[in-house]
Amino acid sequence: MRENSREEFITKNFIERVLPLIDNGEKVYSNFGYAHVLQSELNDNLYLAGRLKESNPDLKIYSILTHMADSEVLKNKKYCKEGSIRRYGKKIRLASICGSITSKKLDGNTKDEKILGIDELRTKTNKGEITLVALNSIREEDLRKRYYLDYVSGKNPDGLRFESDKSTLDYFQGLIFIRGSSANEPYENY
């Protein structure tokens, strides 16, 4: 496992601020990005959920990922802003923020980024639907092939590497599948 100081900082803060709540009997729901919720190594790194699981084996963690098909992430624009911006009530000077151009090509179902099992989900859902899938309901054989985690070609566009001896359930347990969502408004419109 590689050293990742950013992830160490996130994990330390989570342990200091959130685990006491759990120890007092509270249930905690949180929202983190893709790698942070994976419970096994990705590209030789162990991220938040995996670190928590490793250091607190009795902690119950249920990770949910989201995949989309026939959808747009953002309207087909590029957003750049320079100068002062406000984030969380603080003014940041001399900032430069740029978003990327996205389009229907980036919907998780193109040749270069086709997620294993996504076509099966597409045939079981209608356009405009959001479906929650509990992965323990998926055939074990498909989970060993890393359905909903790995890519059809075995080589994905982002160069993600998963542990070869792990199944999808070792990484996450639930999936939100969104089919046919319209594009979000770019940040610049707010």
C-alpha atoms as a PDB file:
ATOM      1  CA  MET A   1       0.000   0.000   0.000  1.00  0.00           C
ATOM      2  CA  ARG A   2       1.319   3.429  -0.947  1.00  0.00           C
ATOM      3  CA  GLU A   3       1.420   6.321   1.480  1.00  0.00           C
ATOM      4  CA  ASN A   4      -1.332   8.855   0.922  1.00  0.00           C
ATOM      5  CA  SER A   5      -1.173  11.780   3.344  1.00  0.00           C
ATOM      6  CA  ARG A   6      -4.463  13.271   2.133  1.00  0.00           C
ATOM      7  CA  GLU A   7      -6.256  10.030   2.907  1.00  0.00           C
ATOM      8  CA  GLU A   8      -4.512   9.790   6.268  1.00  0.00           C
ATOM      9  CA  PHE A   9      -5.820  13.269   7.129  1.00  0.00           C
ATOM     10  CA  ILE A  10      -9.390  12.394   6.045  1.00  0.00           C
ATOM     11  CA  THR A  11      -9.286   9.137   8.021  1.00  0.00           C
ATOM     12  CA  LYS A  12      -7.837  10.790  11.134  1.00  0.00           C
ATOM     13  CA  ASN A  13     -10.588  13.433  11.090  1.00  0.00           C
ATOM     14  CA  PHE A  14     -13.269  10.793  10.579  1.00  0.00           C
ATOM     15  CA  ILE A  15     -11.950   8.714  13.473  1.00  0.00           C
ATOM     16  CA  GLU A  16     -11.722  11.733  15.787  1.00  0.00           C
ATOM     17  CA  ARG A  17     -15.084  13.276  14.907  1.00  0.00           C
ATOM     18  CA  VAL A  18     -17.368  10.494  13.749  1.00  0.00           C
ATOM     19  CA  LEU A  19     -16.361   7.294  15.566  1.00  0.00           C
ATOM     20  CA  PRO A  20     -17.317   8.776  18.964  1.00  0.00           C
ATOM     21  CA  LEU A  21     -20.840   9.298  17.607  1.00  0.00           C
ATOM     22  CA  ILE A  22     -20.969   5.664  16.514  1.00  0.00           C
ATOM     23  CA  ASP A  23     -19.591   4.545  19.882  1.00  0.00           C
ATOM     24  CA  ASN A  24     -22.535   6.414  21.472  1.00  0.00           C
ATOM     25  CA  GLY A  25     -24.996   4.368  19.405  1.00  0.00           C
ATOM     26  CA  GLU A  26     -25.615   6.831  16.565  1.00  0.00           C
ATOM     27  CA  LYS A  27     -25.913   5.772  12.951  1.00  0.00           C
ATOM     28  CA  VAL A  28     -23.838   7.912  10.623  1.00  0.00           C
ATOM     29  CA  TYR A  29     -24.473   8.467   6.929  1.00  0.00           C
ATOM     30  CA  SER A  30     -21.859  10.305   4.906  1.00  0.00           C
ATOM     31  CA  ASN A  31     -21.168  11.194   1.300  1.00  0.00           C
ATOM     32  CA  PHE A  32     -17.674  10.721  -0.104  1.00  0.00           C
ATOM     33  CA  GLY A  33     -16.267  10.356  -3.612  1.00  0.00           C
ATOM     34  CA  TYR A  34     -15.623   7.122  -5.474  1.00  0.00           C
ATOM     35  CA  ALA A  35     -12.245   6.000  -4.128  1.00  0.00           C
ATOM     36  CA  HIS A  36     -12.988   7.065  -0.546  1.00  0.00           C
ATOM     37  CA  VAL A  37     -15.897   4.602  -0.202  1.00  0.00           C
ATOM     38  CA  LEU A  38     -14.063   1.570  -1.619  1.00  0.00           C
ATOM     39  CA  GLN A  39     -13.239  -0.979   1.071  1.00  0.00           C
ATOM     40  CA  SER A  40     -10.301  -2.660  -0.696  1.00  0.00           C
ATOM     41  CA  GLU A  41      -7.173  -1.332  -2.388  1.00  0.00           C
ATOM     42  CA  LEU A  42      -7.423   0.682  -5.585  1.00  0.00           C
ATOM     43  CA  ASN A  43      -4.170   1.412  -7.438  1.00  0.00           C
ATOM     44  CA  ASP A  44      -2.168   0.178  -4.415  1.00  0.00           C
ATOM     45  CA  ASN A  45      -3.940   2.677  -2.126  1.00  0.00           C
ATOM     46  CA  LEU A  46      -6.336   1.987   0.688  1.00  0.00           C
ATOM     47  CA  TYR A  47      -8.829   4.828   1.047  1.00  0.00           C
ATOM     48  CA  LEU A  48     -11.134   5.976   3.861  1.00  0.00           C
ATOM     49  CA  ALA A  49     -13.631   3.084   4.013  1.00  0.00           C
ATOM     50  CA  GLY A  50     -10.880   0.491   3.642  1.00  0.00           C
ATOM     51  CA  ARG A  51      -8.740   2.137   6.315  1.00  0.00           C
ATOM     52  CA  LEU A  52     -11.703   2.330   8.691  1.00  0.00           C
ATOM     53  CA  LYS A  53     -12.586  -1.306   8.037  1.00  0.00           C
ATOM     54  CA  GLU A  54      -8.973  -2.377   8.584  1.00  0.00           C
ATOM     55  CA  SER A  55      -8.456  -0.408  11.814  1.00  0.00           C
ATOM     56  CA  ASN A  56     -11.962  -1.026  13.244  1.00  0.00           C
ATOM     57  CA  PRO A  57     -12.987  -4.584  12.250  1.00  0.00           C
ATOM     58  CA  ASP A  58     -16.263  -4.418  14.231  1.00  0.00           C
ATOM     59  CA  LEU A  59     -17.389  -1.227  12.484  1.00  0.00           C
ATOM     60  CA  LYS A  60     -20.319  -1.815  10.114  1.00  0.00           C
ATOM     61  CA  ILE A  61     -19.653  -0.075   6.801  1.00  0.00           C
ATOM     62  CA  TYR A  62     -22.022  -0.238   3.833  1.00  0.00           C
ATOM     63  CA  SER A  63     -20.605   1.489   0.762  1.00  0.00           C
ATOM     64  CA  ILE A  64     -22.824   2.536  -2.145  1.00  0.00           C
ATOM     65  CA  LEU A  65     -21.569   3.622  -5.585  1.00  0.00           C
ATOM     66  CA  THR A  66     -23.510   5.304  -8.368  1.00  0.00           C
ATOM     67  CA  HIS A  67     -23.345   4.418 -12.062  1.00  0.00           C
ATOM     68  CA  MET A  68     -25.195   6.110 -14.890  1.00  0.00           C
ATOM     69  CA  ALA A  69     -26.187   5.129 -18.398  1.00  0.00           C
ATOM     70  CA  ASP A  70     -27.820   7.124 -21.170  1.00  0.00           C
ATOM     71  CA  SER A  71     -27.144  10.207 -19.059  1.00  0.00           C
ATOM     72  CA  GLU A  72     -25.205  13.429 -19.100  1.00  0.00           C
ATOM     73  CA  VAL A  73     -23.140  14.555 -16.137  1.00  0.00           C
ATOM     74  CA  LEU A  74     -22.978  18.270 -16.975  1.00  0.00           C
ATOM     75  CA  LYS A  75     -24.171  20.312 -19.885  1.00  0.00           C
ATOM     76  CA  ASN A  76     -21.604  20.319 -22.650  1.00  0.00           C
ATOM     77  CA  LYS A  77     -19.691  23.377 -21.430  1.00  0.00           C
ATOM     78  CA  LYS A  78     -16.320  24.222 -20.072  1.00  0.00           C
ATOM     79  CA  TYR A  79     -16.322  26.357 -16.977  1.00  0.00           C
ATOM     80  CA  CYS A  80     -13.359  28.442 -15.916  1.00  0.00           C
ATOM     81  CA  LYS A  81     -13.279  31.217 -13.364  1.00  0.00           C
ATOM     82  CA  GLU A  82     -10.325  33.241 -12.196  1.00  0.00           C
ATOM     83  CA  GLY A  83      -9.951  35.785  -9.435  1.00  0.00           C
ATOM     84  CA  SER A  84     -11.681  35.819  -6.061  1.00  0.00           C
ATOM     85  CA  ILE A  85     -14.267  33.163  -5.277  1.00  0.00           C
ATOM     86  CA  ARG A  86     -16.299  32.361  -2.155  1.00  0.00           C
ATOM     87  CA  ARG A  87     -16.401  28.825  -0.813  1.00  0.00           C
ATOM     88  CA  TYR A  88     -18.015  27.883   2.501  1.00  0.00           C
ATOM     89  CA  GLY A  89     -18.132  31.521   3.614  1.00  0.00           C
ATOM     90  CA  LYS A  90     -14.431  32.163   2.984  1.00  0.00           C
ATOM     91  CA  LYS A  91     -13.013  34.310   0.226  1.00  0.00           C
ATOM     92  CA  ILE A  92     -10.196  32.764  -1.781  1.00  0.00           C
ATOM     93  CA  ARG A  93      -8.140  35.187  -3.841  1.00  0.00           C
ATOM     94  CA  LEU A  94      -6.239  34.472  -7.018  1.00  0.00           C
ATOM     95  CA  ALA A  95      -8.041  31.195  -7.565  1.00  0.00           C
ATOM     96  CA  SER A  96      -8.395  29.480 -10.887  1.00  0.00           C
ATOM     97  CA  ILE A  97     -11.007  26.770 -11.246  1.00  0.00           C
ATOM     98  CA  CYS A  98     -11.718  24.850 -14.442  1.00  0.00           C
ATOM     99  CA  GLY A  99     -14.249  22.124 -15.055  1.00  0.00           C
ATOM    100  CA  SER A 100     -14.073  19.679 -17.918  1.00  0.00           C
ATOM    101  CA  ILE A 101     -16.217  19.383 -20.992  1.00  0.00           C
ATOM    102  CA  THR A 102     -18.604  16.488 -20.606  1.00  0.00           C
ATOM    103  CA  SER A 103     -21.124  15.005 -22.973  1.00  0.00           C
ATOM    104  CA  LYS A 104     -23.285  11.952 -23.500  1.00  0.00           C
ATOM    105  CA  LYS A 105     -20.106  10.055 -24.350  1.00  0.00           C
ATOM    106  CA  LEU A 106     -19.158  10.102 -20.664  1.00  0.00           C
ATOM    107  CA  ASP A 107     -22.097   8.121 -19.365  1.00  0.00           C
ATOM    108  CA  GLY A 108     -20.411   4.887 -18.242  1.00  0.00           C
ATOM    109  CA  ASN A 109     -21.495   2.992 -21.303  1.00  0.00           C
ATOM    110  CA  THR A 110     -19.054   3.910 -24.069  1.00  0.00           C
ATOM    111  CA  LYS A 111     -16.507   1.535 -25.534  1.00  0.00           C
ATOM    112  CA  ASP A 112     -13.667   2.899 -23.398  1.00  0.00           C
ATOM    113  CA  GLU A 113     -15.508   3.031 -20.076  1.00  0.00           C
ATOM    114  CA  LYS A 114     -18.091   0.269 -20.214  1.00  0.00           C
ATOM    115  CA  ILE A 115     -18.688  -1.072 -16.696  1.00  0.00           C
ATOM    116  CA  LEU A 116     -19.178  -4.845 -16.440  1.00  0.00           C
ATOM    117  CA  GLY A 117     -22.887  -5.600 -15.990  1.00  0.00           C
ATOM    118  CA  ILE A 118     -24.177  -2.178 -16.992  1.00  0.00           C
ATOM    119  CA  ASP A 119     -25.980  -3.528 -20.071  1.00  0.00           C
ATOM    120  CA  GLU A 120     -27.856  -5.998 -17.872  1.00  0.00           C
ATOM    121  CA  LEU A 121     -29.018  -3.116 -15.662  1.00  0.00           C
ATOM    122  CA  ARG A 122     -30.054  -1.131 -18.739  1.00  0.00           C
ATOM    123  CA  THR A 123     -32.313  -3.965 -19.923  1.00  0.00           C
ATOM    124  CA  LYS A 124     -34.010  -4.165 -16.506  1.00  0.00           C
ATOM    125  CA  THR A 125     -34.690  -0.437 -16.121  1.00  0.00           C
ATOM    126  CA  ASN A 126     -36.580   2.252 -17.981  1.00  0.00           C
ATOM    127  CA  LYS A 127     -35.192   5.598 -19.013  1.00  0.00           C
ATOM    128  CA  GLY A 128     -35.608   8.115 -16.208  1.00  0.00           C
ATOM    129  CA  GLU A 129     -35.468   5.480 -13.469  1.00  0.00           C
ATOM    130  CA  ILE A 130     -33.214   5.313 -10.441  1.00  0.00           C
ATOM    131  CA  THR A 131     -32.637   1.784  -9.131  1.00  0.00           C
ATOM    132  CA  LEU A 132     -31.003   0.680  -5.883  1.00  0.00           C
ATOM    133  CA  VAL A 133     -29.227  -2.664  -6.176  1.00  0.00           C
ATOM    134  CA  ALA A 134     -28.121  -4.641  -3.117  1.00  0.00           C
ATOM    135  CA  LEU A 135     -25.098  -6.496  -4.426  1.00  0.00           C
ATOM    136  CA  ASN A 136     -25.705  -9.522  -2.217  1.00  0.00           C
ATOM    137  CA  SER A 137     -28.615 -10.232  -4.623  1.00  0.00           C
ATOM    138  CA  ILE A 138     -26.208 -10.577  -7.591  1.00  0.00           C
ATOM    139  CA  ARG A 139     -24.820 -13.952  -8.627  1.00  0.00           C
ATOM    140  CA  GLU A 140     -21.574 -14.742  -6.814  1.00  0.00           C
ATOM    141  CA  GLU A 141     -19.931 -15.657 -10.131  1.00  0.00           C
ATOM    142  CA  ASP A 142     -20.591 -12.123 -11.453  1.00  0.00           C
ATOM    143  CA  LEU A 143     -19.301 -10.516  -8.265  1.00  0.00           C
ATOM    144  CA  ARG A 144     -16.059 -12.512  -8.592  1.00  0.00           C
ATOM    145  CA  LYS A 145     -15.746 -11.031 -12.114  1.00  0.00           C
ATOM    146  CA  ARG A 146     -16.093  -7.615 -10.392  1.00  0.00           C
ATOM    147  CA  TYR A 147     -19.413  -6.659 -11.976  1.00  0.00           C
ATOM    148  CA  TYR A 148     -20.275  -2.967 -11.516  1.00  0.00           C
ATOM    149  CA  LEU A 149     -16.673  -2.268 -10.485  1.00  0.00           C
ATOM    150  CA  ASP A 150     -14.300  -3.253 -13.281  1.00  0.00           C
ATOM    151  CA  TYR A 151     -14.533  -2.537 -16.986  1.00  0.00           C
ATOM    152  CA  VAL A 152     -15.497  -4.785 -19.904  1.00  0.00           C
ATOM    153  CA  SER A 153     -12.131  -4.437 -21.592  1.00  0.00           C
ATOM    154  CA  GLY A 154     -10.270  -5.070 -18.325  1.00  0.00           C
ATOM    155  CA  LYS A 155      -8.458  -1.795 -18.969  1.00  0.00           C
ATOM    156  CA  ASN A 156     -10.392   1.271 -18.074  1.00  0.00           C
ATOM    157  CA  PRO A 157      -9.786   4.832 -19.232  1.00  0.00           C
ATOM    158  CA  ASP A 158      -8.593   6.053 -15.841  1.00  0.00           C
ATOM    159  CA  GLY A 159      -6.076   3.244 -15.305  1.00  0.00           C
ATOM    160  CA  LEU A 160      -7.858   1.938 -12.198  1.00  0.00           C
ATOM    161  CA  ARG A 161      -6.352  -1.266 -10.814  1.00  0.00           C
ATOM    162  CA  PHE A 162      -8.345  -3.500  -8.488  1.00  0.00           C
ATOM    163  CA  GLU A 163      -7.006  -6.359  -6.386  1.00  0.00           C
ATOM    164  CA  SER A 164      -7.257  -9.511  -8.511  1.00  0.00           C
ATOM    165  CA  ASP A 165      -8.364 -11.760  -5.639  1.00  0.00           C
ATOM    166  CA  LYS A 166     -11.229  -9.469  -4.549  1.00  0.00           C
ATOM    167  CA  SER A 167     -14.859  -9.446  -5.663  1.00  0.00           C
ATOM    168  CA  THR A 168     -17.174  -6.479  -6.039  1.00  0.00           C
ATOM    169  CA  LEU A 169     -18.540  -7.072  -2.508  1.00  0.00           C
ATOM    170  CA  ASP A 170     -15.026  -6.579  -1.115  1.00  0.00           C
ATOM    171  CA  TYR A 171     -15.164  -3.037  -2.521  1.00  0.00           C
ATOM    172  CA  PHE A 172     -18.791  -1.942  -2.019  1.00  0.00           C
ATOM    173  CA  GLN A 173     -22.188  -3.445  -1.185  1.00  0.00           C
ATOM    174  CA  GLY A 174     -24.811  -1.264  -2.885  1.00  0.00           C
ATOM    175  CA  LEU A 175     -25.296   0.420  -6.228  1.00  0.00           C
ATOM    176  CA  ILE A 176     -27.494   3.299  -7.300  1.00  0.00           C
ATOM    177  CA  PHE A 177     -28.112   3.004 -11.043  1.00  0.00           C
ATOM    178  CA  ILE A 178     -29.389   6.114 -12.821  1.00  0.00           C
ATOM    179  CA  ARG A 179     -30.652   5.715 -16.348  1.00  0.00           C
ATOM    180  CA  GLY A 180     -31.479   8.651 -18.556  1.00  0.00           C
ATOM    181  CA  SER A 181     -30.794  11.594 -16.273  1.00  0.00           C
ATOM    182  CA  SER A 182     -30.572  15.043 -17.759  1.00  0.00           C
ATOM    183  CA  ALA A 183     -27.533  17.218 -17.327  1.00  0.00           C
ATOM    184  CA  ASN A 184     -26.805  19.207 -14.198  1.00  0.00           C
ATOM    185  CA  GLU A 185     -26.464  22.955 -14.416  1.00  0.00           C
ATOM    186  CA  PRO A 186     -22.821  24.056 -14.498  1.00  0.00           C
ATOM    187  CA  TYR A 187     -21.454  25.827 -11.448  1.00  0.00           C
ATOM    188  CA  GLU A 188     -21.223  29.118 -13.335  1.00  0.00           C
ATOM    189  CA  ASN A 189     -25.021  29.368 -13.482  1.00  0.00           C
ATOM    190  CA  TYR A 190     -25.322  29.737  -9.713  1.00  0.00           C
END
